[in-house]
Amino acid sequence: MHPDLACLDLAERRKAFPRALRVPGPLGSRQVRQYLERSCAEPTGSPSRDLVGGAAPGGREIR
């Protein structure tokens, strides 16, 4: 999924998350939606926040 609200909407309509993660029943996507809404509201050129904290093991930045 792309970090875009339209992609999230499509994934929810297609029930893609339970299928992709192979879990029975529906999954909540509230936290993903909140993250994307905050990310989309950030001004252009500002550093993006990352779900994993923005750094990989060894201190490398994740992009």
PDB file of N, CA and C in Angstrom:
ATOM      1  N   MET A   1       0.836  -1.172   0.000  1.00  0.00           N
ATOM      2  CA  MET A   1       0.000   0.000   0.000  1.00  0.00           C
ATOM      3  C   MET A   1       0.882   1.236   0.000  1.00  0.00           C
ATOM      4  N   HIS A   2       0.503   2.227  -0.762  1.00  0.00           N
ATOM      5  CA  HIS A   2       1.200   3.506  -0.769  1.00  0.00           C
ATOM      6  C   HIS A   2       0.749   4.339   0.429  1.00  0.00           C
ATOM      7  N   PRO A   3       1.592   5.224   0.928  1.00  0.00           N
ATOM      8  CA  PRO A   3       1.191   6.078   2.056  1.00  0.00           C
ATOM      9  C   PRO A   3       0.241   7.177   1.585  1.00  0.00           C
ATOM     10  N   ASP A   4      -0.977   6.786   1.230  1.00  0.00           N
ATOM     11  CA  ASP A   4      -1.955   7.696   0.663  1.00  0.00           C
ATOM     12  C   ASP A   4      -3.340   7.288   1.159  1.00  0.00           C
ATOM     13  N   LEU A   5      -4.174   8.261   1.520  1.00  0.00           N
ATOM     14  CA  LEU A   5      -5.501   7.945   2.037  1.00  0.00           C
ATOM     15  C   LEU A   5      -6.370   7.234   0.998  1.00  0.00           C
ATOM     16  N   ALA A   6      -6.217   7.566  -0.266  1.00  0.00           N
ATOM     17  CA  ALA A   6      -6.999   6.897  -1.308  1.00  0.00           C
ATOM     18  C   ALA A   6      -6.641   5.409  -1.375  1.00  0.00           C
ATOM     19  N   CYS A   7      -5.372   5.086  -1.221  1.00  0.00           N
ATOM     20  CA  CYS A   7      -4.945   3.681  -1.221  1.00  0.00           C
ATOM     21  C   CYS A   7      -5.488   2.952   0.004  1.00  0.00           C
ATOM     22  N   LEU A   8      -5.502   3.623   1.142  1.00  0.00           N
ATOM     23  CA  LEU A   8      -6.060   3.018   2.354  1.00  0.00           C
ATOM     24  C   LEU A   8      -7.542   2.738   2.162  1.00  0.00           C
ATOM     25  N   ASP A   9      -8.281   3.702   1.607  1.00  0.00           N
ATOM     26  CA  ASP A   9      -9.711   3.495   1.355  1.00  0.00           C
ATOM     27  C   ASP A   9      -9.939   2.282   0.459  1.00  0.00           C
ATOM     28  N   LEU A  10      -9.153   2.173  -0.585  1.00  0.00           N
ATOM     29  CA  LEU A  10      -9.283   1.052  -1.513  1.00  0.00           C
ATOM     30  C   LEU A  10      -8.949  -0.273  -0.823  1.00  0.00           C
ATOM     31  N   ALA A  11      -7.895  -0.291  -0.031  1.00  0.00           N
ATOM     32  CA  ALA A  11      -7.508  -1.511   0.692  1.00  0.00           C
ATOM     33  C   ALA A  11      -8.600  -1.932   1.667  1.00  0.00           C
ATOM     34  N   GLU A  12      -9.223  -0.957   2.326  1.00  0.00           N
ATOM     35  CA  GLU A  12     -10.314  -1.279   3.254  1.00  0.00           C
ATOM     36  C   GLU A  12     -11.514  -1.841   2.495  1.00  0.00           C
ATOM     37  N   ARG A  13     -11.874  -1.228   1.374  1.00  0.00           N
ATOM     38  CA  ARG A  13     -13.014  -1.722   0.583  1.00  0.00           C
ATOM     39  C   ARG A  13     -12.770  -3.138   0.079  1.00  0.00           C
ATOM     40  N   ARG A  14     -11.535  -3.420  -0.278  1.00  0.00           N
ATOM     41  CA  ARG A  14     -11.192  -4.752  -0.797  1.00  0.00           C
ATOM     42  C   ARG A  14     -10.899  -5.764   0.306  1.00  0.00           C
ATOM     43  N   LYS A  15     -10.942  -5.312   1.556  1.00  0.00           N
ATOM     44  CA  LYS A  15     -10.625  -6.180   2.704  1.00  0.00           C
ATOM     45  C   LYS A  15      -9.241  -6.808   2.529  1.00  0.00           C
ATOM     46  N   ALA A  16      -8.299  -5.975   2.109  1.00  0.00           N
ATOM     47  CA  ALA A  16      -6.959  -6.450   1.773  1.00  0.00           C
ATOM     48  C   ALA A  16      -6.107  -6.786   2.994  1.00  0.00           C
ATOM     49  N   PHE A  17      -6.309  -6.083   4.107  1.00  0.00           N
ATOM     50  CA  PHE A  17      -5.439  -6.309   5.263  1.00  0.00           C
ATOM     51  C   PHE A  17      -5.574  -7.711   5.851  1.00  0.00           C
ATOM     52  N   PRO A  18      -6.780  -8.192   6.146  1.00  0.00           N
ATOM     53  CA  PRO A  18      -6.874  -9.564   6.672  1.00  0.00           C
ATOM     54  C   PRO A  18      -6.323 -10.605   5.700  1.00  0.00           C
ATOM     55  N   ARG A  19      -6.555 -10.391   4.410  1.00  0.00           N
ATOM     56  CA  ARG A  19      -6.046 -11.333   3.404  1.00  0.00           C
ATOM     57  C   ARG A  19      -4.527 -11.308   3.353  1.00  0.00           C
ATOM     58  N   ALA A  20      -3.950 -10.110   3.338  1.00  0.00           N
ATOM     59  CA  ALA A  20      -2.490  -9.986   3.245  1.00  0.00           C
ATOM     60  C   ALA A  20      -1.799 -10.534   4.487  1.00  0.00           C
ATOM     61  N   LEU A  21      -2.420 -10.328   5.641  1.00  0.00           N
ATOM     62  CA  LEU A  21      -1.812 -10.770   6.901  1.00  0.00           C
ATOM     63  C   LEU A  21      -2.283 -12.158   7.319  1.00  0.00           C
ATOM     64  N   ARG A  22      -3.178 -12.730   6.518  1.00  0.00           N
ATOM     65  CA  ARG A  22      -3.701 -14.085   6.749  1.00  0.00           C
ATOM     66  C   ARG A  22      -4.267 -14.267   8.150  1.00  0.00           C
ATOM     67  N   VAL A  23      -5.170 -13.359   8.508  1.00  0.00           N
ATOM     68  CA  VAL A  23      -5.859 -13.462   9.790  1.00  0.00           C
ATOM     69  C   VAL A  23      -7.358 -13.565   9.521  1.00  0.00           C
ATOM     70  N   PRO A  24      -8.064 -14.320  10.350  1.00  0.00           N
ATOM     71  CA  PRO A  24      -9.511 -14.421  10.167  1.00  0.00           C
ATOM     72  C   PRO A  24     -10.199 -13.160  10.681  1.00  0.00           C
ATOM     73  N   GLY A  25     -11.222 -12.754  10.005  1.00  0.00           N
ATOM     74  CA  GLY A  25     -12.022 -11.624  10.458  1.00  0.00           C
ATOM     75  C   GLY A  25     -11.431 -10.273  10.096  1.00  0.00           C
ATOM     76  N   PRO A  26     -12.189  -9.230  10.421  1.00  0.00           N
ATOM     77  CA  PRO A  26     -11.768  -7.867  10.072  1.00  0.00           C
ATOM     78  C   PRO A  26     -10.635  -7.362  10.960  1.00  0.00           C
ATOM     79  N   LEU A  27      -9.866  -6.431  10.421  1.00  0.00           N
ATOM     80  CA  LEU A  27      -8.803  -5.764  11.176  1.00  0.00           C
ATOM     81  C   LEU A  27      -9.108  -4.274  11.224  1.00  0.00           C
ATOM     82  N   GLY A  28      -8.803  -3.647  12.342  1.00  0.00           N
ATOM     83  CA  GLY A  28      -8.972  -2.205  12.444  1.00  0.00           C
ATOM     84  C   GLY A  28      -7.824  -1.481  11.758  1.00  0.00           C
ATOM     85  N   SER A  29      -8.135  -0.370  11.129  1.00  0.00           N
ATOM     86  CA  SER A  29      -7.097   0.410  10.457  1.00  0.00           C
ATOM     87  C   SER A  29      -7.086   1.849  10.967  1.00  0.00           C
ATOM     88  N   ARG A  30      -7.673   2.076  12.133  1.00  0.00           N
ATOM     89  CA  ARG A  30      -7.791   3.419  12.690  1.00  0.00           C
ATOM     90  C   ARG A  30      -6.433   4.083  12.862  1.00  0.00           C
ATOM     91  N   GLN A  31      -5.460   3.365  13.405  1.00  0.00           N
ATOM     92  CA  GLN A  31      -4.146   3.963  13.644  1.00  0.00           C
ATOM     93  C   GLN A  31      -3.420   4.269  12.336  1.00  0.00           C
ATOM     94  N   VAL A  32      -3.586   3.421  11.343  1.00  0.00           N
ATOM     95  CA  VAL A  32      -2.975   3.685  10.040  1.00  0.00           C
ATOM     96  C   VAL A  32      -3.601   4.936   9.434  1.00  0.00           C
ATOM     97  N   ARG A  33      -4.925   5.053   9.522  1.00  0.00           N
ATOM     98  CA  ARG A  33      -5.625   6.227   8.988  1.00  0.00           C
ATOM     99  C   ARG A  33      -5.168   7.499   9.704  1.00  0.00           C
ATOM    100  N   GLN A  34      -5.055   7.451  11.027  1.00  0.00           N
ATOM    101  CA  GLN A  34      -4.599   8.624  11.783  1.00  0.00           C
ATOM    102  C   GLN A  34      -3.189   9.020  11.365  1.00  0.00           C
ATOM    103  N   TYR A  35      -2.319   8.055  11.186  1.00  0.00           N
ATOM    104  CA  TYR A  35      -0.948   8.334  10.755  1.00  0.00           C
ATOM    105  C   TYR A  35      -0.945   9.008   9.384  1.00  0.00           C
ATOM    106  N   LEU A  36      -1.710   8.457   8.448  1.00  0.00           N
ATOM    107  CA  LEU A  36      -1.746   9.026   7.104  1.00  0.00           C
ATOM    108  C   LEU A  36      -2.362  10.420   7.103  1.00  0.00           C
ATOM    109  N   GLU A  37      -3.393  10.633   7.914  1.00  0.00           N
ATOM    110  CA  GLU A  37      -3.997  11.963   7.993  1.00  0.00           C
ATOM    111  C   GLU A  37      -2.998  12.980   8.519  1.00  0.00           C
ATOM    112  N   ARG A  38      -2.211  12.605   9.519  1.00  0.00           N
ATOM    113  CA  ARG A  38      -1.178  13.518  10.039  1.00  0.00           C
ATOM    114  C   ARG A  38      -0.103  13.751   8.992  1.00  0.00           C
ATOM    115  N   SER A  39       0.306  12.693   8.308  1.00  0.00           N
ATOM    116  CA  SER A  39       1.360  12.811   7.299  1.00  0.00           C
ATOM    117  C   SER A  39       0.922  13.693   6.141  1.00  0.00           C
ATOM    118  N   CYS A  40      -0.322  13.555   5.725  1.00  0.00           N
ATOM    119  CA  CYS A  40      -0.832  14.359   4.608  1.00  0.00           C
ATOM    120  C   CYS A  40      -0.974  15.823   5.005  1.00  0.00           C
ATOM    121  N   ALA A  41      -1.135  16.094   6.288  1.00  0.00           N
ATOM    122  CA  ALA A  41      -1.313  17.464   6.767  1.00  0.00           C
ATOM    123  C   ALA A  41       0.014  18.187   6.954  1.00  0.00           C
ATOM    124  N   GLU A  42       1.139  17.455   6.944  1.00  0.00           N
ATOM    125  CA  GLU A  42       2.443  18.090   7.136  1.00  0.00           C
ATOM    126  C   GLU A  42       2.791  18.952   5.940  1.00  0.00           C
ATOM    127  N   PRO A  43       3.390  20.113   6.165  1.00  0.00           N
ATOM    128  CA  PRO A  43       3.814  20.953   5.045  1.00  0.00           C
ATOM    129  C   PRO A  43       4.894  20.254   4.214  1.00  0.00           C
ATOM    130  N   THR A  44       4.919  20.553   2.943  1.00  0.00           N
ATOM    131  CA  THR A  44       5.918  19.977   2.042  1.00  0.00           C
ATOM    132  C   THR A  44       7.315  20.362   2.498  1.00  0.00           C
ATOM    133  N   GLY A  45       8.222  19.413   2.453  1.00  0.00           N
ATOM    134  CA  GLY A  45       9.602  19.677   2.837  1.00  0.00           C
ATOM    135  C   GLY A  45       9.895  19.403   4.292  1.00  0.00           C
ATOM    136  N   SER A  46       8.867  19.088   5.087  1.00  0.00           N
ATOM    137  CA  SER A  46       9.122  18.771   6.491  1.00  0.00           C
ATOM    138  C   SER A  46       9.491  17.304   6.603  1.00  0.00           C
ATOM    139  N   PRO A  47      10.271  16.962   7.605  1.00  0.00           N
ATOM    140  CA  PRO A  47      10.640  15.552   7.757  1.00  0.00           C
ATOM    141  C   PRO A  47       9.403  14.720   8.061  1.00  0.00           C
ATOM    142  N   SER A  48       9.293  13.578   7.430  1.00  0.00           N
ATOM    143  CA  SER A  48       8.142  12.722   7.676  1.00  0.00           C
ATOM    144  C   SER A  48       8.382  11.885   8.918  1.00  0.00           C
ATOM    145  N   ARG A  49       7.292  11.600   9.602  1.00  0.00           N
ATOM    146  CA  ARG A  49       7.374  10.712  10.761  1.00  0.00           C
ATOM    147  C   ARG A  49       7.226   9.292  10.268  1.00  0.00           C
ATOM    148  N   ASP A  50       7.937   8.398  10.902  1.00  0.00           N
ATOM    149  CA  ASP A  50       7.946   7.017  10.457  1.00  0.00           C
ATOM    150  C   ASP A  50       7.315   6.142  11.525  1.00  0.00           C
ATOM    151  N   LEU A  51       6.556   5.135  11.125  1.00  0.00           N
ATOM    152  CA  LEU A  51       5.930   4.232  12.081  1.00  0.00           C
ATOM    153  C   LEU A  51       6.959   3.485  12.918  1.00  0.00           C
ATOM    154  N   VAL A  52       8.157   3.293  12.398  1.00  0.00           N
ATOM    155  CA  VAL A  52       9.178   2.555  13.135  1.00  0.00           C
ATOM    156  C   VAL A  52      10.198   3.490  13.769  1.00  0.00           C
ATOM    157  N   GLY A  53       9.910   4.750  13.857  1.00  0.00           N
ATOM    158  CA  GLY A  53      10.798   5.670  14.551  1.00  0.00           C
ATOM    159  C   GLY A  53      11.800   6.367  13.667  1.00  0.00           C
ATOM    160  N   GLY A  54      11.860   6.052  12.391  1.00  0.00           N
ATOM    161  CA  GLY A  54      12.720   6.777  11.471  1.00  0.00           C
ATOM    162  C   GLY A  54      14.147   6.297  11.384  1.00  0.00           C
ATOM    163  N   ALA A  55      14.496   5.230  12.083  1.00  0.00           N
ATOM    164  CA  ALA A  55      15.876   4.756  12.006  1.00  0.00           C
ATOM    165  C   ALA A  55      15.894   3.233  11.947  1.00  0.00           C
ATOM    166  N   ALA A  56      16.783   2.729  11.148  1.00  0.00           N
ATOM    167  CA  ALA A  56      16.987   1.291  11.042  1.00  0.00           C
ATOM    168  C   ALA A  56      18.075   0.885  12.021  1.00  0.00           C
ATOM    169  N   PRO A  57      18.232  -0.404  12.272  1.00  0.00           N
ATOM    170  CA  PRO A  57      19.340  -0.832  13.123  1.00  0.00           C
ATOM    171  C   PRO A  57      20.660  -0.278  12.595  1.00  0.00           C
ATOM    172  N   GLY A  58      21.489   0.178  13.463  1.00  0.00           N
ATOM    173  CA  GLY A  58      22.754   0.776  13.058  1.00  0.00           C
ATOM    174  C   GLY A  58      22.661   2.276  12.869  1.00  0.00           C
ATOM    175  N   GLY A  59      21.462   2.841  13.098  1.00  0.00           N
ATOM    176  CA  GLY A  59      21.299   4.280  13.024  1.00  0.00           C
ATOM    177  C   GLY A  59      21.051   4.837  11.634  1.00  0.00           C
ATOM    178  N   ARG A  60      20.934   3.965  10.620  1.00  0.00           N
ATOM    179  CA  ARG A  60      20.664   4.465   9.269  1.00  0.00           C
ATOM    180  C   ARG A  60      19.239   4.990   9.197  1.00  0.00           C
ATOM    181  N   GLU A  61      19.047   6.079   8.474  1.00  0.00           N
ATOM    182  CA  GLU A  61      17.718   6.651   8.322  1.00  0.00           C
ATOM    183  C   GLU A  61      16.910   5.820   7.336  1.00  0.00           C
ATOM    184  N   ILE A  62      15.638   5.628   7.642  1.00  0.00           N
ATOM    185  CA  ILE A  62      14.734   4.901   6.755  1.00  0.00           C
ATOM    186  C   ILE A  62      14.013   5.915   5.889  1.00  0.00           C
ATOM    187  N   ARG A  63      13.976   5.674   4.600  1.00  0.00           N
ATOM    188  CA  ARG A  63      13.261   6.573   3.675  1.00  0.00           C
ATOM    189  C   ARG A  63      12.211   5.816   2.934  1.00  0.00           C
TER     190      ARG A  63
END
